[in-house]
Amino acid sequence: MKPRLQVGRLLGTRSYATKVTPRKPMPAERPPQKYADPLASSPVAVATALPDNLTFIHRPPPSAPSPHSYTTLPASPLLRPPAGHSAQGVPPHIRPSAKKTPPPRMSDEDLTELKRLRYADPKTWTRAALARKFNCTKQFVGLVTCLPNTVRKEIKAVKAVKDEENREKWGPRRRMVREIQKERRAYW
């Protein structure tokens, strides 16, 4: 009896190529162009031979010349002086603080008064309160009146106690969200 060939087994087997085809050698020069060069085939192009076996090809633009394309014509917009900007053409300010006028320069008397108030009672005369009173920025007040570290630490401790009291009023959801934010910041 002859052994039977199993067709399913033959179709599912993997076979490899028995012959390796060598690569064809490629020519070293550039292959010929398939399309004609538009500069060489243009009837209006002017070719000028230059030294060192170079060719300069000039082709005028396909559109008709206009007064805007020449810079030597006095009517050209390129030679006109720039027009002044009008208030109508300017876009609105991106930040509202950009249109604010800077506060006026502070006089020496106001500056000494500002320092005296800040050093006398820093809890009452905060940077924001002094900035409102003297029409200046909070950064300027902090720059001019730098408090000693002991006073600054006391103010921070009082603020931390107030913040902790506010945190106790938080609900469970807000507390959970803030804890997640803290964990995220730890990975920064």
N, C-alpha and C. Protein backbone atom coordinates (compact mmCIF):
# COMPACT_ATOMS: atom_id res chain seq x y z
N MET A 1 0.80 -1.17 0.00
CA MET A 1 0.00 0.00 0.00
C MET A 1 0.86 1.26 0.00
N LYS A 2 0.45 2.27 -0.80
CA LYS A 2 1.21 3.51 -0.89
C LYS A 2 0.81 4.44 0.25
N PRO A 3 1.81 5.19 0.76
CA PRO A 3 1.43 6.16 1.79
C PRO A 3 0.66 7.31 1.15
N ARG A 4 -0.35 7.75 1.82
CA ARG A 4 -1.17 8.85 1.32
C ARG A 4 -0.51 10.19 1.65
N LEU A 5 -0.56 11.09 0.71
CA LEU A 5 -0.05 12.44 0.96
C LEU A 5 -1.16 13.26 1.61
N GLN A 6 -0.79 13.91 2.62
CA GLN A 6 -1.78 14.77 3.29
C GLN A 6 -1.70 16.16 2.67
N VAL A 7 -2.77 16.53 2.00
CA VAL A 7 -2.80 17.79 1.26
C VAL A 7 -2.72 18.99 2.20
N GLY A 8 -3.43 18.94 3.30
CA GLY A 8 -3.43 20.06 4.24
C GLY A 8 -2.05 20.34 4.80
N ARG A 9 -1.28 19.29 4.98
CA ARG A 9 0.05 19.46 5.53
C ARG A 9 0.98 20.11 4.51
N LEU A 10 0.84 19.78 3.22
CA LEU A 10 1.71 20.35 2.20
C LEU A 10 1.40 21.83 1.97
N LEU A 11 0.15 22.18 2.02
CA LEU A 11 -0.21 23.58 1.78
C LEU A 11 0.22 24.48 2.93
N GLY A 12 0.24 23.95 4.12
CA GLY A 12 0.57 24.77 5.27
C GLY A 12 2.05 24.86 5.57
N THR A 13 2.91 24.18 4.80
CA THR A 13 4.35 24.21 5.08
C THR A 13 4.98 25.45 4.47
N ARG A 14 6.06 25.86 5.08
CA ARG A 14 6.78 27.03 4.62
C ARG A 14 7.90 26.59 3.69
N SER A 15 8.10 27.31 2.61
CA SER A 15 9.20 26.98 1.70
C SER A 15 10.01 28.24 1.46
N TYR A 16 11.25 28.05 1.08
CA TYR A 16 12.16 29.16 0.85
C TYR A 16 12.60 29.17 -0.60
N ALA A 17 13.07 30.33 -1.05
CA ALA A 17 13.54 30.44 -2.43
C ALA A 17 14.82 29.64 -2.58
N THR A 18 14.94 28.99 -3.68
CA THR A 18 16.12 28.16 -3.90
C THR A 18 17.20 28.89 -4.65
N LYS A 19 16.89 30.02 -5.25
CA LYS A 19 17.86 30.73 -6.07
C LYS A 19 17.94 32.19 -5.62
N VAL A 20 19.14 32.69 -5.48
CA VAL A 20 19.34 34.09 -5.10
C VAL A 20 19.61 34.87 -6.37
N THR A 21 18.80 35.90 -6.62
CA THR A 21 19.00 36.71 -7.83
C THR A 21 19.94 37.86 -7.49
N PRO A 22 21.02 38.02 -8.25
CA PRO A 22 21.95 39.12 -7.96
C PRO A 22 21.32 40.46 -8.36
N ARG A 23 21.76 41.51 -7.70
CA ARG A 23 21.26 42.85 -8.03
C ARG A 23 21.85 43.32 -9.35
N LYS A 24 21.05 44.08 -10.06
CA LYS A 24 21.53 44.61 -11.33
C LYS A 24 22.40 45.82 -11.05
N PRO A 25 23.50 45.98 -11.76
CA PRO A 25 24.33 47.17 -11.54
C PRO A 25 23.61 48.41 -12.06
N MET A 26 23.65 49.48 -11.26
CA MET A 26 23.01 50.74 -11.65
C MET A 26 24.04 51.64 -12.32
N PRO A 27 23.63 52.41 -13.30
CA PRO A 27 24.59 53.32 -13.93
C PRO A 27 24.99 54.44 -12.97
N ALA A 28 26.21 54.92 -13.10
CA ALA A 28 26.72 55.95 -12.20
C ALA A 28 26.18 57.32 -12.56
N GLU A 29 25.81 57.55 -13.82
CA GLU A 29 25.33 58.86 -14.21
C GLU A 29 23.83 58.99 -13.96
N ARG A 30 23.38 60.22 -14.05
CA ARG A 30 21.98 60.52 -13.80
C ARG A 30 21.13 60.02 -14.96
N PRO A 31 19.95 59.45 -14.68
CA PRO A 31 19.11 58.99 -15.79
C PRO A 31 18.57 60.17 -16.58
N PRO A 32 18.22 59.96 -17.84
CA PRO A 32 17.72 61.07 -18.65
C PRO A 32 16.38 61.58 -18.12
N GLN A 33 16.16 62.90 -18.31
CA GLN A 33 14.92 63.50 -17.83
C GLN A 33 13.74 63.02 -18.67
N LYS A 34 12.62 62.83 -17.99
CA LYS A 34 11.42 62.40 -18.69
C LYS A 34 10.69 63.59 -19.32
N TYR A 35 10.84 64.77 -18.68
CA TYR A 35 10.12 65.94 -19.15
C TYR A 35 11.12 66.97 -19.65
N ALA A 36 10.71 67.73 -20.62
CA ALA A 36 11.58 68.76 -21.17
C ALA A 36 11.75 69.89 -20.16
N ASP A 37 12.93 70.49 -20.15
CA ASP A 37 13.21 71.59 -19.23
C ASP A 37 12.40 72.81 -19.68
N PRO A 38 11.57 73.40 -18.80
CA PRO A 38 10.74 74.54 -19.24
C PRO A 38 11.57 75.76 -19.60
N LEU A 39 12.76 75.92 -19.01
CA LEU A 39 13.59 77.07 -19.37
C LEU A 39 14.20 76.90 -20.76
N ALA A 40 14.60 75.68 -21.07
CA ALA A 40 15.23 75.45 -22.37
C ALA A 40 14.20 75.48 -23.50
N SER A 41 12.97 75.05 -23.21
CA SER A 41 11.96 74.97 -24.27
C SER A 41 11.12 76.24 -24.39
N SER A 42 11.31 77.23 -23.53
CA SER A 42 10.50 78.44 -23.58
C SER A 42 10.96 79.33 -24.74
N PRO A 43 10.01 79.85 -25.56
CA PRO A 43 10.42 80.70 -26.68
C PRO A 43 10.88 82.09 -26.24
N VAL A 44 10.46 82.56 -25.06
CA VAL A 44 10.83 83.91 -24.62
C VAL A 44 12.08 83.90 -23.74
N ALA A 45 12.62 82.72 -23.43
CA ALA A 45 13.80 82.64 -22.57
C ALA A 45 15.03 83.06 -23.35
N VAL A 46 15.92 83.81 -22.70
CA VAL A 46 17.16 84.27 -23.31
C VAL A 46 18.30 83.60 -22.57
N ALA A 47 19.13 82.84 -23.29
CA ALA A 47 20.26 82.13 -22.69
C ALA A 47 21.53 82.91 -22.97
N THR A 48 22.34 83.13 -21.95
CA THR A 48 23.59 83.85 -22.07
C THR A 48 24.70 82.95 -21.56
N ALA A 49 25.75 82.77 -22.36
CA ALA A 49 26.87 81.93 -21.95
C ALA A 49 27.78 82.74 -21.04
N LEU A 50 28.17 82.14 -19.93
CA LEU A 50 29.06 82.77 -18.96
C LEU A 50 30.38 82.00 -18.95
N PRO A 51 31.44 82.61 -18.39
CA PRO A 51 32.70 81.86 -18.31
C PRO A 51 32.56 80.64 -17.39
N ASP A 52 33.51 79.76 -17.44
CA ASP A 52 33.56 78.51 -16.67
C ASP A 52 32.43 77.57 -17.06
N ASN A 53 32.03 77.60 -18.32
CA ASN A 53 31.04 76.66 -18.86
C ASN A 53 29.70 76.76 -18.12
N LEU A 54 29.26 77.99 -17.79
CA LEU A 54 27.98 78.23 -17.13
C LEU A 54 27.04 78.92 -18.10
N THR A 55 25.75 78.74 -17.88
CA THR A 55 24.73 79.37 -18.72
C THR A 55 23.74 80.09 -17.82
N PHE A 56 23.46 81.36 -18.15
CA PHE A 56 22.46 82.14 -17.42
C PHE A 56 21.23 82.22 -18.31
N ILE A 57 20.09 81.74 -17.79
CA ILE A 57 18.84 81.76 -18.56
C ILE A 57 17.89 82.74 -17.89
N HIS A 58 17.43 83.73 -18.67
CA HIS A 58 16.47 84.72 -18.16
C HIS A 58 15.15 84.53 -18.89
N ARG A 59 14.09 84.41 -18.10
CA ARG A 59 12.76 84.28 -18.68
C ARG A 59 11.87 85.31 -18.00
N PRO A 60 11.22 86.22 -18.74
CA PRO A 60 10.35 87.21 -18.11
C PRO A 60 9.14 86.54 -17.48
N PRO A 61 8.52 87.19 -16.50
CA PRO A 61 7.37 86.57 -15.85
C PRO A 61 6.21 86.40 -16.83
N PRO A 62 5.38 85.38 -16.62
CA PRO A 62 4.30 85.13 -17.57
C PRO A 62 3.20 86.18 -17.54
N SER A 63 3.08 86.94 -16.46
CA SER A 63 2.03 87.96 -16.39
C SER A 63 2.56 89.29 -16.91
N ALA A 64 1.66 90.16 -17.28
CA ALA A 64 2.04 91.47 -17.79
C ALA A 64 2.57 92.32 -16.64
N PRO A 65 3.56 93.19 -16.91
CA PRO A 65 4.09 94.02 -15.82
C PRO A 65 3.06 95.04 -15.36
N SER A 66 3.08 95.33 -14.07
CA SER A 66 2.18 96.33 -13.49
C SER A 66 3.02 97.37 -12.77
N PRO A 67 2.44 98.52 -12.43
CA PRO A 67 3.23 99.52 -11.71
C PRO A 67 3.70 99.04 -10.35
N HIS A 68 3.02 98.03 -9.80
CA HIS A 68 3.42 97.52 -8.48
C HIS A 68 4.64 96.62 -8.56
N SER A 69 4.99 96.15 -9.77
CA SER A 69 6.11 95.22 -9.88
C SER A 69 7.45 95.93 -10.06
N TYR A 70 7.44 97.23 -10.31
CA TYR A 70 8.68 97.98 -10.48
C TYR A 70 8.94 98.85 -9.25
N THR A 71 10.16 98.84 -8.79
CA THR A 71 10.50 99.69 -7.63
C THR A 71 11.01 101.06 -8.07
N THR A 72 11.30 101.23 -9.36
CA THR A 72 11.83 102.52 -9.82
C THR A 72 10.73 103.51 -10.16
N LEU A 73 9.51 103.06 -10.32
CA LEU A 73 8.41 103.94 -10.66
C LEU A 73 7.95 104.70 -9.41
N PRO A 74 7.77 106.03 -9.48
CA PRO A 74 7.37 106.77 -8.28
C PRO A 74 6.01 106.36 -7.74
N ALA A 75 5.14 105.82 -8.59
CA ALA A 75 3.81 105.42 -8.13
C ALA A 75 3.84 104.08 -7.41
N SER A 76 5.00 103.46 -7.35
CA SER A 76 5.09 102.14 -6.72
C SER A 76 4.81 102.24 -5.23
N PRO A 77 4.00 101.34 -4.69
CA PRO A 77 3.73 101.39 -3.25
C PRO A 77 4.95 101.02 -2.41
N LEU A 78 5.95 100.40 -3.06
CA LEU A 78 7.16 100.05 -2.32
C LEU A 78 8.00 101.28 -1.99
N LEU A 79 7.86 102.35 -2.80
CA LEU A 79 8.65 103.55 -2.56
C LEU A 79 7.91 104.60 -1.74
N ARG A 80 6.63 104.42 -1.52
CA ARG A 80 5.87 105.39 -0.74
C ARG A 80 6.27 105.31 0.73
N PRO A 81 6.27 106.43 1.43
CA PRO A 81 6.57 106.36 2.88
C PRO A 81 5.44 105.65 3.60
N PRO A 82 5.75 104.94 4.67
CA PRO A 82 4.69 104.21 5.38
C PRO A 82 3.68 105.17 5.99
N ALA A 83 2.42 104.82 5.86
CA ALA A 83 1.34 105.65 6.40
C ALA A 83 1.27 105.45 7.91
N GLY A 84 0.86 106.49 8.61
CA GLY A 84 0.71 106.39 10.06
C GLY A 84 -0.45 105.48 10.42
N HIS A 85 -0.33 104.81 11.54
CA HIS A 85 -1.39 103.89 11.98
C HIS A 85 -2.55 104.68 12.57
N SER A 86 -3.75 104.29 12.19
CA SER A 86 -4.94 104.92 12.75
C SER A 86 -5.47 104.05 13.88
N ALA A 87 -6.27 104.64 14.74
CA ALA A 87 -6.83 103.90 15.88
C ALA A 87 -7.85 102.87 15.42
N GLN A 88 -8.43 103.08 14.24
CA GLN A 88 -9.45 102.15 13.75
C GLN A 88 -8.83 100.82 13.33
N GLY A 89 -7.65 100.84 12.73
CA GLY A 89 -7.05 99.63 12.20
C GLY A 89 -6.31 98.79 13.23
N VAL A 90 -6.17 99.28 14.45
CA VAL A 90 -5.41 98.56 15.47
C VAL A 90 -6.34 97.57 16.18
N PRO A 91 -5.90 96.32 16.34
CA PRO A 91 -6.75 95.35 17.04
C PRO A 91 -6.82 95.66 18.53
N PRO A 92 -7.81 95.13 19.23
CA PRO A 92 -7.93 95.41 20.67
C PRO A 92 -6.79 94.76 21.45
N HIS A 93 -6.57 95.26 22.65
CA HIS A 93 -5.52 94.72 23.50
C HIS A 93 -5.85 93.29 23.90
N ILE A 94 -4.84 92.45 23.95
CA ILE A 94 -5.04 91.05 24.35
C ILE A 94 -5.28 90.98 25.86
N ARG A 95 -4.43 91.67 26.60
CA ARG A 95 -4.58 91.69 28.06
C ARG A 95 -5.18 93.03 28.47
N PRO A 96 -6.09 93.03 29.43
CA PRO A 96 -6.63 94.32 29.87
C PRO A 96 -5.57 95.19 30.52
N SER A 97 -4.53 94.58 31.11
CA SER A 97 -3.51 95.38 31.78
C SER A 97 -2.63 96.13 30.79
N ALA A 98 -2.65 95.75 29.51
CA ALA A 98 -1.80 96.41 28.52
C ALA A 98 -2.28 97.82 28.22
N LYS A 99 -3.58 98.09 28.37
CA LYS A 99 -4.07 99.43 28.06
C LYS A 99 -4.05 100.36 29.27
N LYS A 100 -3.69 99.84 30.44
CA LYS A 100 -3.62 100.69 31.62
C LYS A 100 -2.41 101.61 31.52
N THR A 101 -2.60 102.83 31.92
CA THR A 101 -1.47 103.75 31.96
C THR A 101 -0.67 103.48 33.22
N PRO A 102 0.65 103.55 33.15
CA PRO A 102 1.44 103.29 34.35
C PRO A 102 1.18 104.37 35.40
N PRO A 103 1.24 104.01 36.67
CA PRO A 103 0.99 105.01 37.71
C PRO A 103 2.06 106.10 37.70
N PRO A 104 1.70 107.31 38.14
CA PRO A 104 2.68 108.40 38.12
C PRO A 104 3.80 108.14 39.12
N ARG A 105 4.91 108.81 38.90
CA ARG A 105 6.07 108.66 39.77
C ARG A 105 5.75 109.20 41.16
N MET A 106 6.14 108.43 42.19
CA MET A 106 5.80 108.79 43.57
C MET A 106 6.77 109.84 44.11
N SER A 107 6.24 110.80 44.84
CA SER A 107 7.09 111.84 45.43
C SER A 107 7.83 111.29 46.65
N ASP A 108 8.85 112.02 47.09
CA ASP A 108 9.65 111.57 48.24
C ASP A 108 8.82 111.56 49.52
N GLU A 109 7.91 112.54 49.68
CA GLU A 109 7.07 112.57 50.89
C GLU A 109 6.15 111.35 50.94
N ASP A 110 5.54 111.02 49.79
CA ASP A 110 4.67 109.84 49.75
C ASP A 110 5.45 108.57 50.02
N LEU A 111 6.68 108.52 49.53
CA LEU A 111 7.50 107.32 49.74
C LEU A 111 7.85 107.14 51.21
N THR A 112 8.19 108.22 51.90
CA THR A 112 8.50 108.11 53.34
C THR A 112 7.25 107.75 54.13
N GLU A 113 6.09 108.28 53.72
CA GLU A 113 4.83 107.95 54.39
C GLU A 113 4.48 106.47 54.19
N LEU A 114 4.70 105.98 52.97
CA LEU A 114 4.44 104.58 52.67
C LEU A 114 5.31 103.67 53.55
N LYS A 115 6.59 104.00 53.66
CA LYS A 115 7.51 103.19 54.49
C LYS A 115 7.10 103.24 55.95
N ARG A 116 6.72 104.45 56.43
CA ARG A 116 6.35 104.60 57.83
C ARG A 116 5.12 103.75 58.17
N LEU A 117 4.10 103.80 57.30
CA LEU A 117 2.89 103.02 57.55
C LEU A 117 3.17 101.52 57.52
N ARG A 118 3.97 101.09 56.57
CA ARG A 118 4.25 99.65 56.43
C ARG A 118 5.03 99.12 57.63
N TYR A 119 6.04 99.87 58.08
CA TYR A 119 6.85 99.39 59.21
C TYR A 119 6.12 99.54 60.54
N ALA A 120 5.21 100.52 60.64
CA ALA A 120 4.49 100.73 61.91
C ALA A 120 3.51 99.59 62.17
N ASP A 121 2.71 99.23 61.18
CA ASP A 121 1.71 98.17 61.38
C ASP A 121 1.57 97.36 60.09
N PRO A 122 2.43 96.34 59.89
CA PRO A 122 2.38 95.59 58.63
C PRO A 122 1.13 94.72 58.49
N LYS A 123 0.45 94.40 59.61
CA LYS A 123 -0.75 93.57 59.50
C LYS A 123 -1.93 94.38 58.97
N THR A 124 -2.02 95.64 59.38
CA THR A 124 -3.10 96.50 58.88
C THR A 124 -2.76 97.02 57.49
N TRP A 125 -1.55 97.56 57.35
CA TRP A 125 -1.13 98.13 56.08
C TRP A 125 -0.41 97.06 55.26
N THR A 126 -1.19 96.26 54.60
CA THR A 126 -0.62 95.22 53.74
C THR A 126 -0.14 95.84 52.43
N ARG A 127 0.51 95.03 51.62
CA ARG A 127 0.99 95.54 50.34
C ARG A 127 -0.18 95.99 49.46
N ALA A 128 -1.28 95.22 49.48
CA ALA A 128 -2.43 95.58 48.65
C ALA A 128 -3.08 96.87 49.13
N ALA A 129 -3.19 97.04 50.46
CA ALA A 129 -3.82 98.26 51.00
C ALA A 129 -2.98 99.48 50.67
N LEU A 130 -1.66 99.37 50.82
CA LEU A 130 -0.79 100.50 50.50
C LEU A 130 -0.79 100.79 49.00
N ALA A 131 -0.86 99.76 48.18
CA ALA A 131 -0.90 99.98 46.73
C ALA A 131 -2.17 100.72 46.33
N ARG A 132 -3.29 100.37 46.97
CA ARG A 132 -4.54 101.08 46.69
C ARG A 132 -4.45 102.53 47.15
N LYS A 133 -3.90 102.76 48.34
CA LYS A 133 -3.86 104.11 48.90
C LYS A 133 -2.96 105.04 48.09
N PHE A 134 -1.78 104.54 47.68
CA PHE A 134 -0.80 105.40 47.01
C PHE A 134 -0.80 105.24 45.48
N ASN A 135 -1.77 104.49 44.94
CA ASN A 135 -1.91 104.31 43.50
C ASN A 135 -0.61 103.80 42.86
N CYS A 136 -0.14 102.67 43.36
CA CYS A 136 1.04 102.03 42.81
C CYS A 136 0.81 100.52 42.80
N THR A 137 1.77 99.76 42.37
CA THR A 137 1.61 98.31 42.30
C THR A 137 2.05 97.65 43.60
N LYS A 138 1.55 96.42 43.82
CA LYS A 138 1.94 95.67 45.02
C LYS A 138 3.42 95.31 44.97
N GLN A 139 3.92 95.06 43.77
CA GLN A 139 5.34 94.73 43.63
C GLN A 139 6.22 95.90 44.05
N PHE A 140 5.78 97.11 43.71
CA PHE A 140 6.57 98.29 44.10
C PHE A 140 6.59 98.44 45.61
N VAL A 141 5.45 98.22 46.27
CA VAL A 141 5.40 98.33 47.73
C VAL A 141 6.33 97.29 48.35
N GLY A 142 6.32 96.07 47.84
CA GLY A 142 7.20 95.03 48.37
C GLY A 142 8.65 95.33 48.12
N LEU A 143 8.95 95.98 47.01
CA LEU A 143 10.34 96.32 46.69
C LEU A 143 10.86 97.43 47.58
N VAL A 144 10.03 98.42 47.84
CA VAL A 144 10.46 99.58 48.63
C VAL A 144 10.48 99.26 50.12
N THR A 145 9.51 98.52 50.61
CA THR A 145 9.40 98.23 52.04
C THR A 145 9.58 96.74 52.27
N CYS A 146 10.80 96.33 52.47
CA CYS A 146 11.10 94.92 52.71
C CYS A 146 11.04 94.66 54.21
N LEU A 147 10.14 93.78 54.63
CA LEU A 147 9.96 93.48 56.06
C LEU A 147 11.06 92.55 56.56
N PRO A 148 11.38 92.62 57.87
CA PRO A 148 12.35 91.66 58.43
C PRO A 148 11.78 90.24 58.39
N ASN A 149 12.67 89.26 58.43
CA ASN A 149 12.25 87.86 58.32
C ASN A 149 11.33 87.44 59.46
N THR A 150 11.56 87.95 60.67
CA THR A 150 10.72 87.54 61.81
C THR A 150 9.27 87.97 61.59
N VAL A 151 9.07 89.21 61.14
CA VAL A 151 7.71 89.71 60.90
C VAL A 151 7.08 88.95 59.74
N ARG A 152 7.87 88.69 58.71
CA ARG A 152 7.35 87.97 57.55
C ARG A 152 6.91 86.56 57.93
N LYS A 153 7.69 85.89 58.81
CA LYS A 153 7.33 84.54 59.24
C LYS A 153 6.06 84.55 60.08
N GLU A 154 5.88 85.58 60.91
CA GLU A 154 4.65 85.69 61.71
C GLU A 154 3.43 85.84 60.79
N ILE A 155 3.55 86.69 59.79
CA ILE A 155 2.43 86.91 58.86
C ILE A 155 2.10 85.62 58.11
N LYS A 156 3.15 84.89 57.70
CA LYS A 156 2.93 83.63 56.98
C LYS A 156 2.27 82.60 57.88
N ALA A 157 2.65 82.59 59.18
CA ALA A 157 2.05 81.62 60.11
C ALA A 157 0.56 81.92 60.30
N VAL A 158 0.20 83.20 60.45
CA VAL A 158 -1.21 83.58 60.60
C VAL A 158 -1.99 83.19 59.35
N LYS A 159 -1.39 83.43 58.18
CA LYS A 159 -2.07 83.07 56.93
C LYS A 159 -2.23 81.55 56.82
N ALA A 160 -1.24 80.79 57.27
CA ALA A 160 -1.33 79.32 57.20
C ALA A 160 -2.46 78.81 58.10
N VAL A 161 -2.64 79.44 59.28
CA VAL A 161 -3.73 79.03 60.18
C VAL A 161 -5.08 79.31 59.52
N LYS A 162 -5.23 80.48 58.89
CA LYS A 162 -6.48 80.81 58.20
C LYS A 162 -6.75 79.84 57.05
N ASP A 163 -5.70 79.50 56.32
CA ASP A 163 -5.86 78.56 55.21
C ASP A 163 -6.28 77.18 55.72
N GLU A 164 -5.72 76.76 56.84
CA GLU A 164 -6.08 75.45 57.40
C GLU A 164 -7.54 75.43 57.86
N GLU A 165 -8.01 76.55 58.44
CA GLU A 165 -9.42 76.65 58.83
C GLU A 165 -10.33 76.54 57.60
N ASN A 166 -9.93 77.17 56.52
CA ASN A 166 -10.72 77.08 55.29
C ASN A 166 -10.71 75.67 54.72
N ARG A 167 -9.57 74.97 54.83
CA ARG A 167 -9.48 73.60 54.31
C ARG A 167 -10.38 72.65 55.09
N GLU A 168 -10.61 72.94 56.36
CA GLU A 168 -11.48 72.07 57.16
C GLU A 168 -12.93 72.16 56.68
N LYS A 169 -13.29 73.24 56.03
CA LYS A 169 -14.65 73.40 55.52
C LYS A 169 -14.86 72.70 54.17
N TRP A 170 -13.78 72.21 53.57
CA TRP A 170 -13.89 71.55 52.28
C TRP A 170 -14.69 70.27 52.38
N GLY A 171 -15.34 69.91 51.28
CA GLY A 171 -16.04 68.63 51.20
C GLY A 171 -15.07 67.53 50.79
N PRO A 172 -15.55 66.28 50.78
CA PRO A 172 -14.65 65.16 50.45
C PRO A 172 -14.16 65.19 49.00
N ARG A 173 -15.00 65.67 48.09
CA ARG A 173 -14.59 65.68 46.69
C ARG A 173 -13.47 66.68 46.45
N ARG A 174 -13.61 67.90 46.97
CA ARG A 174 -12.57 68.91 46.80
C ARG A 174 -11.27 68.46 47.46
N ARG A 175 -11.38 67.86 48.63
CA ARG A 175 -10.19 67.37 49.33
C ARG A 175 -9.47 66.31 48.49
N MET A 176 -10.26 65.40 47.88
CA MET A 176 -9.67 64.35 47.06
C MET A 176 -8.97 64.94 45.82
N VAL A 177 -9.62 65.93 45.20
CA VAL A 177 -9.03 66.56 44.01
C VAL A 177 -7.72 67.25 44.37
N ARG A 178 -7.68 67.95 45.49
CA ARG A 178 -6.45 68.64 45.90
C ARG A 178 -5.34 67.65 46.24
N GLU A 179 -5.68 66.52 46.83
CA GLU A 179 -4.67 65.50 47.13
C GLU A 179 -4.08 64.94 45.83
N ILE A 180 -4.94 64.72 44.85
CA ILE A 180 -4.45 64.23 43.56
C ILE A 180 -3.52 65.25 42.91
N GLN A 181 -3.87 66.54 43.03
CA GLN A 181 -3.02 67.59 42.47
C GLN A 181 -1.66 67.62 43.17
N LYS A 182 -1.65 67.43 44.50
CA LYS A 182 -0.38 67.39 45.22
C LYS A 182 0.50 66.26 44.73
N GLU A 183 -0.11 65.08 44.55
CA GLU A 183 0.66 63.93 44.07
C GLU A 183 1.21 64.19 42.67
N ARG A 184 0.40 64.83 41.83
CA ARG A 184 0.86 65.14 40.48
C ARG A 184 2.04 66.11 40.51
N ARG A 185 1.95 67.12 41.38
CA ARG A 185 3.04 68.09 41.47
C ARG A 185 4.32 67.45 41.97
N ALA A 186 4.21 66.40 42.76
CA ALA A 186 5.41 65.73 43.26
C ALA A 186 6.21 65.10 42.12
N TYR A 187 5.54 64.76 41.02
CA TYR A 187 6.23 64.14 39.88
C TYR A 187 6.81 65.17 38.92
N TRP A 188 6.56 66.45 39.11
CA TRP A 188 7.10 67.48 38.22
C TRP A 188 8.55 67.52 38.31
